[in-house]
Protein backbone atom coordinates (compact mmCIF):
# COMPACT_ATOMS: atom_id res chain seq x y z
CA MET A 1 113.73 -58.48 64.49
CA VAL A 2 110.52 -59.17 62.59
CA GLU A 3 110.61 -58.26 58.89
CA LYS A 4 107.90 -56.03 57.48
CA TRP A 5 105.44 -58.05 55.41
CA TYR A 6 106.46 -56.46 52.10
CA ASN A 7 110.14 -57.31 52.68
CA ARG A 8 109.44 -60.94 53.44
CA PHE A 9 110.09 -63.70 50.97
CA LEU A 10 108.13 -66.22 53.02
CA TRP A 11 104.65 -65.03 53.98
CA VAL A 12 103.34 -68.09 55.82
CA GLU A 13 105.57 -70.05 58.20
CA PRO A 14 105.45 -73.70 57.11
CA LYS A 15 104.72 -76.64 59.35
CA GLU A 16 107.53 -79.15 58.97
CA ILE A 17 106.24 -82.60 58.05
CA ALA A 18 108.76 -85.38 57.57
CA PRO A 19 108.45 -86.92 54.10
CA THR A 20 108.27 -90.69 53.83
CA LYS A 21 110.06 -93.09 51.52
CA ALA A 22 106.86 -93.20 49.47
CA ASP A 23 107.14 -89.44 48.87
CA PHE A 24 110.67 -89.75 47.55
CA ALA A 25 109.64 -92.78 45.49
CA LEU A 26 106.92 -90.62 43.91
CA LEU A 27 109.54 -88.01 43.04
CA TYR A 28 111.85 -90.62 41.51
CA VAL A 29 109.08 -92.23 39.43
CA THR A 30 107.99 -88.81 38.15
CA LEU A 31 111.57 -87.95 37.16
CA ILE A 32 112.03 -91.30 35.39
CA THR A 33 108.81 -90.95 33.40
CA THR A 34 109.71 -87.35 32.55
CA LEU A 35 113.08 -88.27 31.05
CA PHE A 36 112.58 -91.82 29.76
CA VAL A 37 108.96 -92.16 28.63
CA PRO A 38 108.04 -90.64 25.24
CA TYR A 39 104.97 -88.52 24.60
CA ILE A 40 101.83 -90.50 23.86
CA PRO A 41 100.13 -89.16 20.69
CA VAL A 42 96.40 -88.49 21.17
CA ASN A 43 95.84 -86.74 17.84
CA ALA A 44 97.87 -84.81 15.27
CA SER A 45 98.37 -81.78 17.53
CA PHE A 46 98.08 -83.18 21.07
CA PHE A 47 100.53 -85.44 22.90
CA LEU A 48 100.03 -86.76 26.43
CA SER A 49 102.90 -86.99 28.92
CA LEU A 50 102.68 -89.90 31.35
CA GLU A 51 104.35 -87.87 34.08
CA GLU A 52 101.25 -85.65 34.25
CA VAL A 53 99.49 -88.55 36.00
CA PHE A 54 102.15 -88.48 38.72
CA VAL A 55 101.92 -84.70 39.00
CA GLY A 56 98.27 -85.20 39.90
CA MET A 57 99.30 -87.76 42.52
CA ILE A 58 101.81 -85.26 43.93
CA ALA A 59 99.05 -82.64 44.26
CA VAL A 60 96.87 -85.14 46.12
CA ARG A 61 99.80 -86.07 48.36
CA LEU A 62 100.34 -82.43 49.35
CA LEU A 63 96.65 -82.10 50.20
CA ILE A 64 96.72 -85.26 52.32
CA LYS A 65 99.81 -84.04 54.17
CA ARG A 66 98.21 -80.56 54.58
CA PHE A 67 101.50 -78.96 53.67
CA PHE A 68 101.14 -75.24 53.05
CA TRP A 69 103.85 -72.84 51.98
CA LEU A 70 103.30 -69.33 50.69
CA ASP A 71 106.18 -67.18 49.48
CA LYS A 72 106.58 -64.41 46.92
CA PHE A 73 107.48 -66.88 44.17
CA VAL A 74 104.17 -68.70 44.69
CA VAL A 75 102.37 -65.35 44.63
CA ILE A 76 104.11 -64.50 41.32
CA LEU A 77 102.93 -67.84 39.88
CA MET A 78 99.38 -67.07 41.03
CA LEU A 79 99.48 -63.60 39.45
CA PHE A 80 100.88 -65.06 36.23
CA ALA A 81 98.11 -67.70 36.08
CA GLY A 82 95.52 -65.03 36.79
CA PHE A 83 96.83 -62.80 34.02
CA ILE A 84 96.89 -65.68 31.52
CA PHE A 85 93.26 -66.41 32.41
CA LEU A 86 92.37 -62.74 31.91
CA SER A 87 94.15 -62.69 28.55
CA ILE A 88 92.16 -65.76 27.43
CA LEU A 89 88.87 -64.16 28.48
CA ILE A 90 89.62 -60.90 26.67
CA ASN A 91 90.40 -62.64 23.39
CA SER A 92 87.79 -64.29 21.17
CA HIS A 93 89.07 -67.87 21.57
CA ARG A 94 88.07 -68.20 25.23
CA THR A 95 85.66 -71.07 24.45
CA GLU A 96 88.48 -73.34 23.25
CA LEU A 97 89.47 -75.85 25.91
CA ARG A 98 93.09 -76.21 24.79
CA GLU A 99 93.77 -72.56 25.61
CA TYR A 100 93.47 -73.40 29.31
CA PHE A 101 96.31 -75.95 29.21
CA GLU A 102 98.65 -72.96 29.52
CA LEU A 103 97.14 -72.34 32.96
CA TYR A 104 97.88 -75.94 33.89
CA LYS A 105 101.58 -75.42 33.01
CA ILE A 106 101.79 -72.70 35.68
CA PHE A 107 99.89 -74.80 38.22
CA LYS A 108 102.26 -77.69 37.48
CA ILE A 109 105.32 -75.55 38.26
CA GLY A 110 103.68 -74.46 41.52
CA ILE A 111 102.77 -78.02 42.56
CA LEU A 112 106.26 -79.38 41.86
CA TYR A 113 107.88 -76.36 43.55
CA LEU A 114 105.84 -76.96 46.73
CA PHE A 115 106.52 -80.72 46.61
CA SER A 116 110.25 -80.08 46.31
CA ILE A 117 110.16 -77.81 49.37
CA PHE A 118 108.06 -80.36 51.25
CA LEU A 119 110.64 -83.09 50.56
CA PHE A 120 113.79 -81.15 51.37
CA LEU A 121 112.44 -79.10 54.27
CA GLY A 122 111.64 -82.22 56.26
CA SER A 123 114.62 -84.28 55.13
CA LYS A 124 118.00 -83.77 56.75
CA LYS A 125 120.02 -85.47 53.99
CA ILE A 126 120.17 -84.84 50.27
CA SER A 127 122.64 -87.62 49.47
CA GLY A 128 119.82 -89.88 48.28
CA ILE A 129 118.61 -87.49 45.57
CA VAL A 130 122.20 -86.77 44.50
CA LYS A 131 122.87 -90.49 44.03
CA PHE A 132 119.63 -90.85 42.12
CA VAL A 133 120.56 -87.97 39.80
CA ASN A 134 123.88 -89.73 39.15
CA VAL A 135 122.07 -92.94 38.22
CA ILE A 136 119.68 -91.05 35.92
CA PHE A 137 122.63 -89.35 34.23
CA VAL A 138 124.47 -92.64 33.63
CA LEU A 139 121.30 -94.18 32.15
CA LEU A 140 120.84 -91.17 29.87
CA VAL A 141 124.46 -91.42 28.72
CA ALA A 142 123.97 -95.14 27.98
CA PHE A 143 120.74 -94.43 26.07
CA ASN A 144 122.38 -91.70 24.02
CA PHE A 145 125.41 -93.81 23.11
CA LEU A 146 123.15 -96.67 22.01
CA HIS A 147 121.31 -94.12 19.89
CA TYR A 148 124.45 -92.40 18.59
CA PHE A 149 126.04 -95.63 17.34
CA ASN A 150 122.67 -97.20 16.48
CA VAL A 151 123.48 -100.38 18.37
CA TRP A 152 121.16 -103.26 17.40
CA HIS A 153 119.06 -100.85 15.25
CA PHE A 154 118.32 -98.81 18.37
CA ASN A 155 117.16 -95.75 16.40
CA GLU A 156 114.62 -97.61 14.28
CA ASN A 157 113.15 -99.41 17.30
CA VAL A 158 113.53 -97.03 20.25
CA THR A 159 114.80 -93.50 19.47
CA ILE A 160 112.09 -92.93 16.87
CA LEU A 161 109.46 -93.27 19.62
CA PHE A 162 110.74 -90.03 21.19
CA ASP A 163 110.80 -88.10 17.89
CA SER A 164 107.26 -86.80 17.29
CA ASP A 165 107.70 -86.14 13.55
CA GLN A 166 110.46 -88.79 13.10
CA ARG A 167 112.43 -86.38 10.94
CA ASP A 168 115.53 -86.10 13.14
CA THR A 169 115.70 -89.87 13.57
CA LEU A 170 115.19 -90.73 9.89
CA TYR A 171 117.84 -88.18 8.83
CA PHE A 172 120.22 -88.88 11.72
CA GLY A 173 123.78 -88.40 10.44
CA LEU A 174 122.50 -87.26 7.04
CA ASN A 175 121.89 -83.90 5.40
CA SER A 176 118.79 -82.91 3.42
CA LEU A 177 120.25 -84.63 0.33
CA GLY A 178 120.74 -87.90 2.18
CA LEU A 179 124.55 -87.54 2.25
CA PRO A 180 126.70 -88.18 5.37
CA ALA A 181 126.72 -85.24 7.78
CA ALA A 182 127.35 -84.50 11.45
CA LYS A 183 125.40 -86.67 13.87
CA ARG A 184 123.26 -84.44 16.11
CA MET A 185 122.33 -86.54 19.12
CA ILE A 186 118.55 -86.67 19.68
CA GLY A 187 118.28 -88.69 22.87
CA THR A 188 115.07 -88.94 24.88
CA MET A 189 114.14 -85.31 24.24
CA GLY A 190 113.22 -85.93 20.61
CA ASN A 191 115.50 -83.31 19.03
CA PRO A 192 119.17 -82.28 19.41
CA ASN A 193 118.50 -78.76 20.74
CA ASP A 194 116.33 -79.96 23.64
CA ASN A 195 118.76 -82.81 24.27
CA ALA A 196 121.57 -80.26 24.55
CA ILE A 197 119.56 -78.28 27.12
CA LEU A 198 119.02 -81.45 29.15
CA PHE A 199 122.74 -82.22 29.27
CA LEU A 200 123.53 -78.56 29.95
CA LEU A 201 121.47 -78.92 33.13
CA PHE A 202 123.61 -81.91 34.11
CA PHE A 203 126.69 -79.88 33.14
CA ALA A 204 125.50 -77.17 35.55
CA PHE A 205 124.79 -79.75 38.26
CA TYR A 206 128.23 -81.37 38.12
CA GLN A 207 129.98 -78.04 37.93
CA SER A 208 128.16 -76.98 41.09
CA ARG A 209 129.20 -80.22 42.80
CA LEU A 210 132.83 -79.48 41.95
CA THR A 211 132.32 -75.99 43.39
CA VAL A 212 131.09 -77.16 46.80
CA LEU A 213 133.25 -80.29 47.20
CA ASN A 214 136.81 -80.28 48.44
CA SER A 215 139.28 -81.71 45.93
CA LYS A 216 140.35 -84.24 48.60
CA ASN A 217 136.80 -85.59 48.87
CA LYS A 218 136.49 -89.23 47.74
CA SER A 219 133.69 -88.31 45.32
CA PHE A 220 135.61 -85.48 43.67
CA PHE A 221 137.19 -87.64 40.96
CA VAL A 222 133.83 -89.27 40.18
CA TYR A 223 132.25 -85.86 39.65
CA LYS A 224 135.17 -84.85 37.43
CA LEU A 225 134.36 -87.87 35.28
CA MET A 226 130.65 -86.98 35.26
CA PHE A 227 131.59 -83.42 34.29
CA LEU A 228 133.61 -84.77 31.35
CA LEU A 229 130.70 -86.94 30.20
CA ALA A 230 128.21 -84.06 30.50
CA THR A 231 130.52 -81.86 28.43
CA LEU A 232 130.89 -84.57 25.78
CA MET A 233 127.11 -85.10 25.64
CA VAL A 234 126.49 -81.40 25.02
CA LEU A 235 129.08 -81.37 22.25
CA LEU A 236 127.65 -84.48 20.57
CA CYS A 237 124.24 -82.82 20.35
CA GLN A 238 125.94 -80.41 17.92
CA SER A 239 123.76 -77.53 19.08
CA ARG A 240 125.68 -74.31 18.41
CA THR A 241 123.60 -72.34 20.92
CA GLY A 242 123.99 -75.19 23.42
CA ILE A 243 127.78 -75.04 23.14
CA LEU A 244 127.74 -71.26 23.62
CA ILE A 245 125.50 -71.61 26.67
CA GLY A 246 127.91 -74.20 28.06
CA VAL A 247 130.77 -71.70 27.78
CA VAL A 248 128.70 -69.04 29.59
CA VAL A 249 127.68 -71.47 32.35
CA TYR A 250 131.28 -72.50 32.89
CA ILE A 251 132.47 -68.87 33.12
CA VAL A 252 129.68 -68.08 35.60
CA GLY A 253 130.73 -71.10 37.63
CA LEU A 254 134.32 -69.86 37.78
CA PHE A 255 133.18 -66.65 39.46
CA GLN A 256 131.59 -68.68 42.25
CA ARG A 257 134.80 -70.29 43.45
CA LYS A 258 138.51 -69.78 43.89
CA LEU A 259 140.72 -70.20 40.84
CA THR A 260 143.03 -73.14 41.60
CA LYS A 261 144.90 -75.78 39.65
CA ASP A 262 141.64 -77.78 39.60
CA VAL A 263 140.33 -75.26 37.07
CA LEU A 264 143.25 -76.08 34.78
CA TYR A 265 142.37 -79.77 35.09
CA GLU A 266 138.78 -78.94 34.15
CA LEU A 267 139.92 -77.02 31.08
CA LEU A 268 141.96 -80.07 30.10
CA ILE A 269 138.84 -82.19 30.61
CA ILE A 270 136.83 -79.88 28.35
CA GLY A 271 139.62 -79.99 25.76
CA LEU A 272 139.63 -83.79 25.98
CA ALA A 273 135.83 -83.82 25.45
CA VAL A 274 136.24 -81.68 22.31
CA VAL A 275 138.91 -84.03 20.95
CA LEU A 276 136.70 -87.05 21.69
CA MET A 277 133.81 -85.39 19.84
CA PHE A 278 135.91 -84.97 16.70
CA ILE A 279 137.20 -88.54 16.99
CA ILE A 280 133.69 -89.96 17.39
CA SER A 281 132.16 -87.79 14.64
CA SER A 282 134.51 -86.81 11.82
CA ASN A 283 131.87 -84.47 10.33
CA SER A 284 131.49 -82.40 13.51
CA LEU A 285 134.30 -79.98 12.71
CA GLN A 286 132.91 -79.27 9.27
CA TYR A 287 129.39 -78.76 10.67
CA LEU A 288 130.56 -76.26 13.29
CA ALA A 289 132.92 -74.53 10.86
CA ASN A 290 130.04 -73.96 8.43
CA THR A 291 128.24 -71.71 10.92
CA LYS A 292 127.24 -68.53 9.09
CA LEU A 293 127.70 -65.41 11.20
CA ARG A 294 125.84 -63.11 8.81
CA LEU A 295 122.06 -63.22 9.25
CA GLN A 296 121.28 -63.37 5.53
CA ASP A 297 123.65 -66.34 5.08
CA ASN A 298 122.15 -68.45 7.88
CA SER A 299 118.82 -69.93 6.77
CA ALA A 300 117.92 -71.29 10.23
CA VAL A 301 118.46 -67.94 11.95
CA MET A 302 116.82 -66.12 9.06
CA GLY A 303 113.68 -68.23 9.47
CA ARG A 304 113.53 -67.46 13.18
CA TRP A 305 114.06 -63.78 12.45
CA GLU A 306 111.10 -63.68 10.07
CA VAL A 307 108.84 -65.30 12.67
CA ALA A 308 110.13 -62.87 15.32
CA LYS A 309 109.39 -59.84 13.12
CA LYS A 310 105.88 -61.09 12.42
CA LEU A 311 105.03 -61.73 16.08
CA PHE A 312 106.56 -58.47 17.26
CA GLY A 313 104.60 -56.54 14.66
CA MET A 314 101.39 -58.21 15.83
CA TRP A 315 102.20 -57.49 19.48
CA THR A 316 102.32 -53.73 18.85
CA GLU A 317 98.61 -53.94 18.01
CA LYS A 318 97.78 -55.56 21.37
CA PRO A 319 100.59 -54.45 23.70
CA ILE A 320 98.89 -54.90 27.09
CA PHE A 321 97.04 -58.23 27.05
CA GLY A 322 98.42 -59.82 23.87
CA TYR A 323 96.59 -62.50 21.93
CA GLY A 324 96.34 -65.17 24.62
CA PRO A 325 97.64 -68.70 23.90
CA ASN A 326 95.82 -68.52 20.53
CA LYS A 327 96.78 -72.06 19.49
CA THR A 328 94.35 -72.04 16.59
CA TYR A 329 96.30 -69.20 14.96
CA MET A 330 99.66 -70.85 15.70
CA TYR A 331 98.81 -74.26 14.31
CA GLY A 332 96.76 -72.85 11.43
CA ASN A 333 99.65 -70.67 10.25
CA LYS A 334 102.36 -73.20 11.24
CA ILE A 335 104.08 -70.70 13.52
CA TYR A 336 106.55 -72.26 15.93
CA PRO A 337 108.29 -69.50 17.95
CA GLU A 338 111.77 -70.26 19.24
CA ASN A 339 112.20 -67.37 21.66
CA GLU A 340 110.36 -67.67 24.97
CA TYR A 341 110.61 -63.96 25.79
CA LEU A 342 109.10 -62.93 22.46
CA PHE A 343 106.50 -65.70 22.67
CA HIS A 344 105.25 -64.43 26.04
CA ILE A 345 105.06 -60.79 25.00
CA TRP A 346 103.03 -61.84 21.91
CA ARG A 347 100.74 -64.10 23.92
CA TYR A 348 100.23 -62.00 27.06
CA GLY A 349 101.55 -58.53 26.30
CA ILE A 350 104.11 -56.54 28.26
CA MET A 351 102.65 -57.57 31.63
CA GLY A 352 102.89 -61.21 30.64
CA LEU A 353 106.55 -60.78 29.74
CA ILE A 354 107.27 -59.08 33.09
CA LEU A 355 105.55 -61.89 35.01
CA TYR A 356 107.41 -64.53 33.00
CA CYS A 357 110.74 -62.83 33.78
CA LEU A 358 109.81 -62.72 37.47
CA VAL A 359 109.10 -66.47 37.40
CA LEU A 360 112.49 -67.01 35.80
CA TRP A 361 114.61 -64.54 37.78
CA TYR A 362 112.95 -63.51 41.04
CA ILE A 363 114.53 -66.16 43.28
CA LEU A 364 117.93 -65.65 41.62
CA LEU A 365 117.79 -61.89 42.13
CA LYS A 366 116.89 -62.40 45.79
CA PHE A 367 119.86 -64.72 46.29
CA LEU A 368 122.21 -62.25 44.58
CA ARG A 369 120.89 -59.30 46.57
CA GLU A 370 121.34 -61.13 49.87
CA LYS A 371 124.67 -62.63 48.72
CA VAL A 372 123.43 -66.17 49.26
CA LYS A 373 125.68 -68.76 47.64
CA MET A 374 123.61 -71.15 45.54
CA PRO A 375 125.95 -72.29 42.73
CA LEU A 376 123.54 -74.92 41.39
CA TYR A 377 120.59 -72.54 41.10
CA VAL A 378 122.69 -69.77 39.54
CA CYS A 379 124.04 -72.08 36.81
CA VAL A 380 120.65 -73.69 36.14
CA ILE A 381 118.95 -70.30 35.72
CA VAL A 382 121.75 -69.21 33.38
CA VAL A 383 120.97 -72.28 31.24
CA PHE A 384 117.23 -71.50 31.18
CA SER A 385 117.74 -67.77 30.59
CA PHE A 386 120.02 -68.17 27.57
CA ALA A 387 118.20 -71.23 26.21
CA ALA A 388 115.00 -69.12 26.19
CA LEU A 389 116.55 -66.95 23.46
CA SER A 390 116.28 -69.80 20.95
CA ASN A 391 113.91 -72.26 22.60
CA LEU A 392 110.96 -72.57 25.02
CA PRO A 393 112.57 -74.29 28.04
CA VAL A 394 110.55 -73.02 31.03
CA MET A 395 107.18 -73.98 29.52
CA ASN A 396 108.51 -77.26 28.10
CA PRO A 397 106.66 -80.06 29.98
CA LYS A 398 109.94 -81.93 30.52
CA PHE A 399 112.13 -79.03 31.61
CA SER A 400 109.49 -77.33 33.78
CA PHE A 401 109.78 -80.29 36.16
CA ILE A 402 113.53 -79.74 36.57
CA PHE A 403 113.05 -75.97 36.84
CA ALA A 404 110.50 -76.35 39.65
CA LEU A 405 112.52 -79.04 41.44
CA VAL A 406 115.73 -76.99 41.52
CA ALA A 407 113.84 -73.80 42.48
CA GLY A 408 112.15 -75.60 45.38
CA PHE A 409 115.35 -77.25 46.57
CA SER A 410 117.32 -73.96 46.47
CA THR A 411 114.54 -72.02 48.22
CA CYS A 412 114.43 -74.67 50.91
CA GLN A 413 118.20 -74.42 51.44
CA TYR A 414 117.88 -70.63 51.65
CA TYR A 415 115.10 -70.88 54.23
CA ILE A 416 117.04 -73.39 56.37
CA GLN A 417 120.21 -71.24 56.28
CA LYS A 418 118.28 -68.11 57.24
CA ARG A 419 116.45 -69.88 60.07
CA GLN A 420 119.69 -71.29 61.48
CA LYS A 421 121.29 -67.84 61.31
CA ASN A 422 118.36 -66.27 63.16
CA GLU A 423 118.49 -68.98 65.83
CA TYR A 424 122.21 -68.34 66.27
CA VAL A 425 121.67 -64.60 66.70
CA GLU A 426 118.90 -65.12 69.25
CA THR A 427 121.02 -67.46 71.41
CA ASP A 428 124.24 -65.44 71.11
């Protein structure tokens, strides 16, 4: 039975083209540069990411292969880009070139999403990418331990390259008075909060692997170990919101599988990771215990609240189209929003917020409505959704790559499952 056009997720049937080893090599190089190469400073307010060069190569590769895929998610991205462009034109700063970089961020998500589908639609095995993710994770763990213990002056020579203002590196393990304090692991992301989000994504990945693998599988124990390391890495970042997100992701993961004795083992693993954190960093307990629950007692939250009130008050004056990217105002007034939902409603008005939420949640809502089991995608979107309350993960140049890659992979799996089901029905 043919679906009506408005009920379809996929609007244009793709032509399957088998990817080559060079295509996967391009993916791997892009991922490596995304996670292991620091930003290159161009001037005081602009930093270049080397992976952007490879994103351009990916776009060219898709054109050469003539791969075309059009689904509702791509349409949402196109509408979002169009609305951002309209918001820029309406506001007075439309002649500033840097405003249009926000359009590029949407195009980048679309390009990487299509490339992910291209790779996994034509490839019958995903074991190669899984092994590569494992290697990347082990390398990140090694990097972060070298940084955490400052082996061979690692922080002064290497970690500081990833820290744009050098503040977190120079005061690593110290408070504002220069006294010993909890070590908040910075890693390759340049600050502990972003580093926590990165390892939360690995936490989500390894939890999903434990969900789909049988406990008798040879790889099961290895993934248990990876799960322990991912948990420990999140804890060592000492991000309070990151730890809370980790708890939410784990609870969501429990609902996607049967409760067995393996869950008890996992809880023991998490408990072991917490104990290891306190052994490694004696100041961690004091840092977490000093969390102020009252708004007026928590200076960090209070600062964010003041920015939020200011931006929300401004939005009420331009509720439909917002102020556009308006980077001149942001940098001139030293405003650094830490809530992606609020940031989008200020920049692009209520329609911009709706389109942003569709980018974030549309595929997930479709999976939930059709009862499609995608444990990895569910957990990853939970990370992005909650991290967006105190950070800007979807529009972060590093995380947008992972967001697009996982979205494309999950969409591809959904399409393959649906096609196989339809073929079975037709031949029954």
